[in-house]
C-alpha cells in the first residue's frame, strides 16, 4: 500500500507545475478515498458517492475543512455520521486538523449522487 500511495503521489505531482498544489491534490484524493469508507447505515452507498460531502478544502498547513449534509434533518445518524467523516479524514497521517460542518443549504437531493450510487440504489 505504501508503494502504491507513493506512486499515486508521484503521478499526481506530474499533473501540476507547483509541488505544493500537487501534494494538496494528492492529499485530497486520499481523504476522499478514506471518506468513501464511511457508509450511511440505512443506505448501502458511501457518503461521498451519496453526495453528502458538499465541500472539502485543505489549507497550507494540511488542516481540512469539510461541509457535509444529511439526506434529511431527521436522519437517525445525524449525531454520529459527521464524526465518522471526521475520523476518516483524520486517518491520513499528513492531516493536521479536521473541521466538519453540518449544513442544510442547499438541501440534499438525488442529483448530487454519483452514477455509481444511482446504479447501486437502482435509481438511474
N, C-alpha and C. Protein backbone atom coordinates (compact mmCIF):
# COMPACT_ATOMS: atom_id res chain seq x y z
N UNK A 1 0.83 -1.19 0.00
CA UNK A 1 0.00 0.00 0.00
C UNK A 1 0.87 1.25 0.00
N UNK A 2 1.97 1.25 0.78
CA UNK A 2 2.84 2.41 0.85
C UNK A 2 3.42 2.73 -0.52
N UNK A 3 3.91 1.69 -1.23
CA UNK A 3 4.48 1.92 -2.55
C UNK A 3 3.42 2.44 -3.52
N UNK A 4 2.22 1.90 -3.45
CA UNK A 4 1.15 2.36 -4.32
C UNK A 4 0.83 3.82 -4.02
N UNK A 5 0.79 4.17 -2.74
CA UNK A 5 0.50 5.54 -2.35
C UNK A 5 1.58 6.48 -2.87
N UNK A 6 2.84 6.08 -2.77
CA UNK A 6 3.94 6.91 -3.27
C UNK A 6 3.85 7.06 -4.79
N UNK A 7 3.46 5.99 -5.48
CA UNK A 7 3.31 6.05 -6.93
C UNK A 7 2.17 6.99 -7.29
N UNK A 8 1.06 6.90 -6.59
CA UNK A 8 -0.07 7.78 -6.85
C UNK A 8 0.32 9.23 -6.59
N UNK A 9 1.10 9.47 -5.54
CA UNK A 9 1.56 10.81 -5.22
C UNK A 9 2.44 11.36 -6.35
N UNK A 10 3.33 10.52 -6.87
CA UNK A 10 4.21 10.93 -7.97
C UNK A 10 3.41 11.22 -9.24
N UNK A 11 2.43 10.38 -9.52
CA UNK A 11 1.59 10.60 -10.71
C UNK A 11 0.81 11.91 -10.58
N UNK A 12 0.33 12.21 -9.38
CA UNK A 12 -0.41 13.45 -9.16
C UNK A 12 0.52 14.64 -9.34
N UNK A 13 1.77 14.51 -8.88
CA UNK A 13 2.75 15.61 -8.99
C UNK A 13 3.01 15.96 -10.45
N UNK A 14 2.96 14.97 -11.32
CA UNK A 14 3.21 15.22 -12.75
C UNK A 14 2.11 16.06 -13.39
N UNK A 15 0.94 16.11 -12.77
CA UNK A 15 -0.19 16.85 -13.33
C UNK A 15 -0.13 18.35 -13.02
N UNK A 16 0.74 18.75 -12.08
CA UNK A 16 0.79 20.14 -11.63
C UNK A 16 2.21 20.68 -11.72
N UNK A 17 2.32 21.97 -11.99
CA UNK A 17 3.63 22.62 -12.02
C UNK A 17 4.12 22.92 -10.60
N UNK A 18 3.23 23.24 -9.70
CA UNK A 18 3.58 23.60 -8.33
C UNK A 18 3.53 22.35 -7.45
N UNK A 19 4.65 22.04 -6.80
CA UNK A 19 4.72 20.83 -5.96
C UNK A 19 3.75 20.88 -4.79
N UNK A 20 3.57 22.07 -4.19
CA UNK A 20 2.65 22.20 -3.06
C UNK A 20 1.21 21.90 -3.49
N UNK A 21 0.82 22.42 -4.65
CA UNK A 21 -0.53 22.15 -5.17
C UNK A 21 -0.69 20.67 -5.48
N UNK A 22 0.36 20.06 -6.00
CA UNK A 22 0.32 18.63 -6.30
C UNK A 22 0.14 17.81 -5.03
N UNK A 23 0.86 18.18 -3.97
CA UNK A 23 0.73 17.45 -2.70
C UNK A 23 -0.67 17.60 -2.14
N UNK A 24 -1.23 18.80 -2.22
CA UNK A 24 -2.59 19.00 -1.71
C UNK A 24 -3.61 18.23 -2.53
N UNK A 25 -3.43 18.17 -3.85
CA UNK A 25 -4.35 17.41 -4.70
C UNK A 25 -4.28 15.93 -4.36
N UNK A 26 -3.06 15.43 -4.15
CA UNK A 26 -2.90 14.03 -3.76
C UNK A 26 -3.57 13.77 -2.41
N UNK A 27 -3.35 14.68 -1.44
CA UNK A 27 -3.94 14.50 -0.11
C UNK A 27 -5.46 14.55 -0.19
N UNK A 28 -5.99 15.42 -1.01
CA UNK A 28 -7.45 15.49 -1.16
C UNK A 28 -7.99 14.17 -1.70
N UNK A 29 -7.31 13.60 -2.68
CA UNK A 29 -7.72 12.28 -3.20
C UNK A 29 -7.67 11.21 -2.12
N UNK A 30 -6.64 11.27 -1.28
CA UNK A 30 -6.50 10.30 -0.19
C UNK A 30 -7.63 10.46 0.84
N UNK A 31 -7.97 11.69 1.16
CA UNK A 31 -9.06 11.95 2.12
C UNK A 31 -10.39 11.48 1.53
N UNK A 32 -10.62 11.75 0.26
CA UNK A 32 -11.86 11.29 -0.38
C UNK A 32 -11.93 9.77 -0.34
N UNK A 33 -10.82 9.10 -0.60
CA UNK A 33 -10.80 7.63 -0.54
C UNK A 33 -11.15 7.15 0.87
N UNK A 34 -10.67 7.85 1.88
CA UNK A 34 -10.99 7.47 3.27
C UNK A 34 -12.46 7.72 3.57
N UNK A 35 -12.98 8.85 3.11
CA UNK A 35 -14.39 9.17 3.34
C UNK A 35 -15.30 8.17 2.61
N UNK A 36 -14.82 7.64 1.50
CA UNK A 36 -15.62 6.64 0.77
C UNK A 36 -15.76 5.33 1.55
N UNK A 37 -15.08 5.21 2.68
CA UNK A 37 -15.24 4.03 3.54
C UNK A 37 -16.34 4.24 4.58
N UNK A 38 -16.94 5.43 4.60
CA UNK A 38 -18.00 5.76 5.56
C UNK A 38 -19.34 5.58 4.86
N UNK A 39 -20.19 4.75 5.45
CA UNK A 39 -21.50 4.46 4.87
C UNK A 39 -22.61 4.90 5.79
N UNK A 40 -23.68 5.39 5.20
CA UNK A 40 -24.91 5.62 5.94
C UNK A 40 -25.46 4.23 6.23
N UNK A 41 -25.70 3.88 7.49
CA UNK A 41 -26.14 2.51 7.80
C UNK A 41 -27.47 2.11 7.19
N UNK A 42 -28.28 3.08 6.77
CA UNK A 42 -29.57 2.77 6.18
C UNK A 42 -29.52 2.65 4.66
N UNK A 43 -28.40 3.10 4.07
CA UNK A 43 -28.27 3.13 2.61
C UNK A 43 -26.94 2.47 2.24
N UNK A 44 -26.93 1.50 1.34
CA UNK A 44 -25.70 0.78 1.02
C UNK A 44 -24.77 1.53 0.06
N UNK A 45 -24.59 2.83 0.30
CA UNK A 45 -23.74 3.67 -0.54
C UNK A 45 -22.92 4.55 0.40
N UNK A 46 -21.65 4.78 0.05
CA UNK A 46 -20.82 5.62 0.90
C UNK A 46 -21.27 7.08 0.83
N UNK A 47 -20.92 7.84 1.86
CA UNK A 47 -21.42 9.21 1.98
C UNK A 47 -20.89 10.14 0.89
N UNK A 48 -19.70 9.85 0.35
CA UNK A 48 -19.16 10.70 -0.71
C UNK A 48 -19.96 10.51 -2.00
N UNK A 49 -20.16 9.26 -2.41
CA UNK A 49 -20.91 9.00 -3.64
C UNK A 49 -22.40 9.30 -3.48
N UNK A 50 -22.86 9.29 -2.24
CA UNK A 50 -24.25 9.66 -1.97
C UNK A 50 -24.45 11.17 -2.16
N UNK A 51 -23.35 11.91 -2.21
CA UNK A 51 -23.43 13.36 -2.43
C UNK A 51 -23.59 14.16 -1.16
N UNK A 52 -23.24 13.57 -0.03
CA UNK A 52 -23.40 14.28 1.24
C UNK A 52 -22.25 15.23 1.55
N UNK A 53 -21.13 15.08 0.85
CA UNK A 53 -19.98 15.96 1.05
C UNK A 53 -20.10 17.11 0.05
N UNK A 54 -20.33 18.31 0.54
CA UNK A 54 -20.50 19.48 -0.32
C UNK A 54 -19.18 20.18 -0.63
N UNK A 55 -18.28 20.20 0.34
CA UNK A 55 -17.01 20.92 0.16
C UNK A 55 -15.94 20.25 0.99
N UNK A 56 -14.73 20.17 0.43
CA UNK A 56 -13.57 19.64 1.14
C UNK A 56 -12.38 20.52 0.76
N UNK A 57 -11.93 21.33 1.70
CA UNK A 57 -10.81 22.24 1.46
C UNK A 57 -9.65 21.88 2.38
N UNK A 58 -8.44 22.06 1.85
CA UNK A 58 -7.23 21.81 2.62
C UNK A 58 -6.40 23.09 2.56
N UNK A 59 -6.00 23.61 3.74
CA UNK A 59 -5.19 24.82 3.73
C UNK A 59 -3.70 24.46 3.65
N UNK A 60 -2.85 25.47 3.68
CA UNK A 60 -1.41 25.27 3.51
C UNK A 60 -0.77 24.47 4.64
N UNK A 61 -1.48 24.35 5.78
CA UNK A 61 -0.97 23.56 6.91
C UNK A 61 -1.60 22.18 6.99
N UNK A 62 -2.28 21.78 5.93
CA UNK A 62 -2.97 20.49 5.87
C UNK A 62 -4.10 20.36 6.89
N UNK A 63 -4.72 21.49 7.22
CA UNK A 63 -5.95 21.48 8.01
C UNK A 63 -7.09 21.31 7.02
N UNK A 64 -8.03 20.46 7.35
CA UNK A 64 -9.12 20.11 6.44
C UNK A 64 -10.44 20.69 6.95
N UNK A 65 -11.18 21.31 6.05
CA UNK A 65 -12.48 21.87 6.36
C UNK A 65 -13.50 21.21 5.43
N UNK A 66 -14.49 20.57 6.01
CA UNK A 66 -15.49 19.81 5.24
C UNK A 66 -16.88 20.34 5.55
N UNK A 67 -17.64 20.61 4.50
CA UNK A 67 -19.07 20.89 4.64
C UNK A 67 -19.80 19.65 4.16
N UNK A 68 -20.71 19.17 4.98
CA UNK A 68 -21.50 18.00 4.60
C UNK A 68 -22.94 18.20 5.03
N UNK A 69 -23.80 17.39 4.48
CA UNK A 69 -25.20 17.41 4.84
C UNK A 69 -25.66 15.99 5.11
N UNK A 70 -26.92 15.84 5.36
CA UNK A 70 -27.54 14.52 5.53
C UNK A 70 -28.73 14.45 4.58
N UNK A 71 -29.22 13.26 4.35
CA UNK A 71 -30.34 13.13 3.42
C UNK A 71 -31.60 13.80 3.96
N UNK A 72 -31.67 13.95 5.29
CA UNK A 72 -32.82 14.57 5.92
C UNK A 72 -32.41 15.12 7.28
N UNK A 73 -32.97 16.25 7.70
CA UNK A 73 -32.66 16.76 9.04
C UNK A 73 -33.05 15.78 10.15
N UNK A 74 -34.00 14.91 9.86
CA UNK A 74 -34.43 13.93 10.85
C UNK A 74 -33.65 12.62 10.76
N UNK A 75 -32.55 12.61 10.02
CA UNK A 75 -31.74 11.40 9.84
C UNK A 75 -31.31 10.85 11.19
N UNK A 76 -31.53 9.55 11.44
CA UNK A 76 -31.20 8.98 12.74
C UNK A 76 -29.71 8.94 13.05
N UNK A 77 -28.85 9.10 12.05
CA UNK A 77 -27.41 9.08 12.32
C UNK A 77 -26.81 10.50 12.31
N UNK A 78 -27.67 11.51 12.48
CA UNK A 78 -27.21 12.90 12.47
C UNK A 78 -26.14 13.14 13.53
N UNK A 79 -26.22 12.47 14.64
CA UNK A 79 -25.25 12.67 15.70
C UNK A 79 -23.93 11.95 15.49
N UNK A 80 -23.92 10.92 14.65
CA UNK A 80 -22.69 10.12 14.51
C UNK A 80 -22.01 10.24 13.14
N UNK A 81 -22.74 10.46 12.09
CA UNK A 81 -22.16 10.45 10.75
C UNK A 81 -21.08 11.54 10.55
N UNK A 82 -21.31 12.78 11.00
CA UNK A 82 -20.23 13.78 10.86
C UNK A 82 -18.96 13.36 11.60
N UNK A 83 -19.09 12.74 12.73
CA UNK A 83 -17.93 12.25 13.48
C UNK A 83 -17.19 11.15 12.74
N UNK A 84 -17.93 10.29 12.06
CA UNK A 84 -17.29 9.24 11.27
C UNK A 84 -16.53 9.82 10.08
N UNK A 85 -17.09 10.87 9.47
CA UNK A 85 -16.41 11.55 8.37
C UNK A 85 -15.14 12.21 8.89
N UNK A 86 -15.22 12.86 10.06
CA UNK A 86 -14.05 13.49 10.65
C UNK A 86 -12.96 12.46 10.95
N UNK A 87 -13.33 11.34 11.51
CA UNK A 87 -12.37 10.27 11.82
C UNK A 87 -11.71 9.75 10.55
N UNK A 88 -12.49 9.59 9.49
CA UNK A 88 -11.93 9.11 8.22
C UNK A 88 -10.90 10.10 7.68
N UNK A 89 -11.24 11.39 7.71
CA UNK A 89 -10.30 12.41 7.21
C UNK A 89 -9.04 12.45 8.08
N UNK A 90 -9.19 12.30 9.38
CA UNK A 90 -8.04 12.32 10.29
C UNK A 90 -7.16 11.09 10.13
N UNK A 91 -7.66 10.05 9.49
CA UNK A 91 -6.89 8.81 9.37
C UNK A 91 -5.65 8.97 8.49
N UNK A 92 -5.58 10.02 7.74
CA UNK A 92 -4.41 10.29 6.90
C UNK A 92 -3.36 11.03 7.72
N UNK A 93 -2.17 10.46 7.83
CA UNK A 93 -1.12 10.99 8.70
C UNK A 93 -0.72 12.41 8.35
N UNK A 94 -0.88 12.80 7.10
CA UNK A 94 -0.50 14.15 6.67
C UNK A 94 -1.46 15.22 7.15
N UNK A 95 -2.66 14.83 7.59
CA UNK A 95 -3.68 15.78 8.02
C UNK A 95 -3.39 16.25 9.44
N UNK A 96 -3.44 17.57 9.63
CA UNK A 96 -3.20 18.13 10.97
C UNK A 96 -4.49 18.25 11.78
N UNK A 97 -5.49 18.90 11.21
CA UNK A 97 -6.74 19.10 11.93
C UNK A 97 -7.90 18.98 10.96
N UNK A 98 -9.06 18.62 11.47
CA UNK A 98 -10.25 18.45 10.64
C UNK A 98 -11.43 19.15 11.30
N UNK A 99 -12.17 19.90 10.51
CA UNK A 99 -13.38 20.55 10.97
C UNK A 99 -14.51 20.14 10.03
N UNK A 100 -15.53 19.49 10.56
CA UNK A 100 -16.68 19.07 9.76
C UNK A 100 -17.87 19.94 10.14
N UNK A 101 -18.43 20.63 9.16
CA UNK A 101 -19.60 21.48 9.36
C UNK A 101 -20.82 20.80 8.77
N UNK A 102 -21.87 20.68 9.55
CA UNK A 102 -23.12 20.12 9.06
C UNK A 102 -23.96 21.28 8.52
N UNK A 103 -24.27 21.23 7.22
CA UNK A 103 -25.01 22.31 6.57
C UNK A 103 -26.30 21.76 5.97
N UNK A 104 -27.28 22.63 5.80
CA UNK A 104 -28.57 22.21 5.25
C UNK A 104 -28.93 22.95 3.98
N UNK A 105 -28.08 23.89 3.57
CA UNK A 105 -28.35 24.66 2.37
C UNK A 105 -27.18 24.53 1.43
N UNK A 106 -27.37 24.05 0.23
CA UNK A 106 -28.65 23.66 -0.36
C UNK A 106 -29.10 22.30 0.17
N UNK A 107 -30.39 22.07 0.15
CA UNK A 107 -30.89 20.77 0.59
C UNK A 107 -30.35 19.65 -0.29
N UNK A 108 -30.14 18.50 0.32
CA UNK A 108 -29.66 17.34 -0.43
C UNK A 108 -30.76 16.85 -1.37
N UNK A 109 -30.35 16.38 -2.53
CA UNK A 109 -31.26 15.77 -3.49
C UNK A 109 -30.52 14.70 -4.27
N UNK A 110 -31.22 13.81 -4.91
CA UNK A 110 -30.58 12.69 -5.59
C UNK A 110 -29.69 13.13 -6.76
N UNK A 111 -29.86 14.36 -7.23
CA UNK A 111 -29.00 14.86 -8.30
C UNK A 111 -27.55 15.02 -7.84
N UNK A 112 -27.31 14.99 -6.55
CA UNK A 112 -25.95 15.09 -6.01
C UNK A 112 -25.24 13.73 -5.99
N UNK A 113 -25.97 12.66 -6.23
CA UNK A 113 -25.41 11.32 -6.17
C UNK A 113 -24.56 11.01 -7.40
N UNK A 114 -23.52 10.21 -7.20
CA UNK A 114 -22.69 9.77 -8.32
C UNK A 114 -23.46 8.73 -9.14
N UNK A 115 -22.98 8.47 -10.35
CA UNK A 115 -23.60 7.44 -11.18
C UNK A 115 -23.56 6.08 -10.49
N UNK A 116 -22.44 5.80 -9.80
CA UNK A 116 -22.30 4.52 -9.09
C UNK A 116 -23.38 4.38 -8.02
N UNK A 117 -23.63 5.47 -7.30
CA UNK A 117 -24.65 5.44 -6.25
C UNK A 117 -26.04 5.25 -6.83
N UNK A 118 -26.32 5.96 -7.92
CA UNK A 118 -27.62 5.81 -8.57
C UNK A 118 -27.84 4.37 -9.06
N UNK A 119 -26.80 3.77 -9.61
CA UNK A 119 -26.90 2.39 -10.07
C UNK A 119 -27.08 1.43 -8.90
N UNK A 120 -26.32 1.65 -7.83
CA UNK A 120 -26.41 0.77 -6.65
C UNK A 120 -27.79 0.79 -6.02
N UNK A 121 -28.44 1.94 -6.09
CA UNK A 121 -29.77 2.07 -5.50
C UNK A 121 -30.88 1.90 -6.53
N UNK A 122 -30.51 1.50 -7.75
CA UNK A 122 -31.47 1.28 -8.83
C UNK A 122 -32.32 2.53 -9.07
N UNK A 123 -31.65 3.69 -9.09
CA UNK A 123 -32.34 4.95 -9.30
C UNK A 123 -31.92 5.62 -10.61
N UNK A 124 -31.15 4.93 -11.42
CA UNK A 124 -30.61 5.53 -12.64
C UNK A 124 -31.55 5.39 -13.80
